[in-house]
Amino acid sequence: MFDVSANNVANAATAGFQPSRVELGAVAPANGVAVSGITADANVPPPGESGTDLATEAVGLTTARLLYAANARAVSIEEETIGSLFDERA
């Protein structure tokens, strides 16, 4: 997600640039989320302009950061739980 958004921001001043979007999909049976595809934005920019909306990219980056933080916290809670179970057995 970060690399697609970074590419969009880096090309924000490029005339005719059509930004890409990351599509997320559910992963079964783990109930997780994974990138299911990367597509070009459907909106074609007017001649001489870029199709990148920096506000949309900022929201996307914030969303990605929060998703990564939530995943990291879930892993850390899992490690704590497994550690507690091992402590109980000892």
Protein backbone atom coordinates (compact mmCIF):
# COMPACT_ATOMS: atom_id res chain seq x y z
CA MET A 1 0.00 0.00 0.00
CA PHE A 2 2.79 2.39 0.88
CA ASP A 3 4.64 1.95 -2.40
CA VAL A 4 1.56 2.59 -4.54
CA SER A 5 0.69 5.73 -2.59
CA ALA A 6 4.33 6.90 -2.69
CA ASN A 7 4.33 6.50 -6.47
CA ASN A 8 1.10 8.50 -6.72
CA VAL A 9 2.48 11.32 -4.56
CA ALA A 10 5.82 11.36 -6.41
CA ASN A 11 3.96 11.81 -9.70
CA ALA A 12 1.43 14.36 -8.41
CA ALA A 13 2.92 17.08 -10.62
CA THR A 14 3.24 14.86 -13.71
CA ALA A 15 0.78 15.89 -16.39
CA GLY A 16 -1.49 13.06 -17.49
CA PHE A 17 -0.46 10.76 -14.63
CA GLN A 18 -3.19 8.29 -13.71
CA PRO A 19 -2.82 7.16 -10.08
CA SER A 20 -3.11 3.54 -8.98
CA ARG A 21 -5.34 2.13 -6.24
CA VAL A 22 -4.78 -0.86 -3.98
CA GLU A 23 -7.69 -3.27 -3.62
CA LEU A 24 -7.92 -5.24 -0.38
CA GLY A 25 -9.70 -8.55 0.01
CA ALA A 26 -10.53 -10.90 2.84
CA VAL A 27 -8.31 -13.92 3.42
CA ALA A 28 -10.07 -17.06 4.61
CA PRO A 29 -9.93 -18.95 6.94
CA ALA A 30 -7.66 -16.60 8.92
CA ASN A 31 -10.11 -13.68 8.61
CA GLY A 32 -7.28 -11.40 7.58
CA VAL A 33 -6.88 -8.88 4.79
CA ALA A 34 -4.49 -9.00 1.85
CA VAL A 35 -3.88 -7.02 -1.31
CA SER A 36 -6.08 -8.54 -3.98
CA GLY A 37 -4.97 -6.24 -6.78
CA ILE A 38 -3.59 -2.91 -7.91
CA THR A 39 -5.60 -1.02 -10.50
CA ALA A 40 -5.37 2.29 -12.31
CA ASP A 41 -7.77 4.94 -11.07
CA ALA A 42 -10.86 5.08 -13.31
CA ASN A 43 -10.83 8.88 -13.44
CA VAL A 44 -8.75 10.09 -16.38
CA PRO A 45 -7.18 13.49 -15.60
CA PRO A 46 -7.84 16.47 -17.88
CA PRO A 47 -5.05 17.23 -20.38
CA GLY A 48 -2.09 18.89 -18.68
CA GLU A 49 -3.13 17.86 -15.17
CA SER A 50 -2.33 14.98 -12.85
CA GLY A 51 -5.04 12.71 -11.52
CA THR A 52 -3.43 12.48 -8.08
CA ASP A 53 -5.47 13.90 -5.20
CA LEU A 54 -3.03 14.52 -2.34
CA ALA A 55 -5.83 14.51 0.25
CA THR A 56 -6.90 11.03 -0.87
CA GLU A 57 -3.29 9.85 -0.71
CA ALA A 58 -2.89 11.26 2.83
CA VAL A 59 -6.00 9.40 3.98
CA GLY A 60 -4.76 6.21 2.30
CA LEU A 61 -1.36 6.46 4.00
CA THR A 62 -2.97 7.05 7.38
CA THR A 63 -5.26 4.06 6.86
CA ALA A 64 -2.30 1.86 5.89
CA ARG A 65 -0.32 3.00 8.94
CA LEU A 66 -3.23 2.18 11.25
CA LEU A 67 -3.73 -1.25 9.63
CA TYR A 68 -0.06 -2.11 10.10
CA ALA A 69 -0.14 -0.90 13.72
CA ALA A 70 -3.25 -2.99 14.43
CA ASN A 71 -1.63 -6.08 12.89
CA ALA A 72 1.55 -5.54 14.91
CA ARG A 73 -0.50 -5.24 18.10
CA ALA A 74 -2.40 -8.44 17.31
CA VAL A 75 0.89 -10.30 16.86
CA SER A 76 2.23 -8.90 20.11
CA ILE A 77 -0.92 -9.94 22.01
CA GLU A 78 -0.63 -13.43 20.52
CA GLU A 79 2.99 -13.67 21.69
CA GLU A 80 2.02 -12.49 25.18
CA THR A 81 -0.79 -15.06 25.35
CA ILE A 82 1.47 -17.91 24.23
CA GLY A 83 4.10 -16.78 26.73
CA SER A 84 1.51 -16.80 29.53
CA LEU A 85 0.39 -20.29 28.55
CA PHE A 86 3.96 -21.54 28.69
CA ASP A 87 4.44 -19.88 32.08
CA GLU A 88 1.32 -21.67 33.37
CA ARG A 89 2.67 -25.04 32.24
CA ALA A 90 6.08 -24.49 33.85
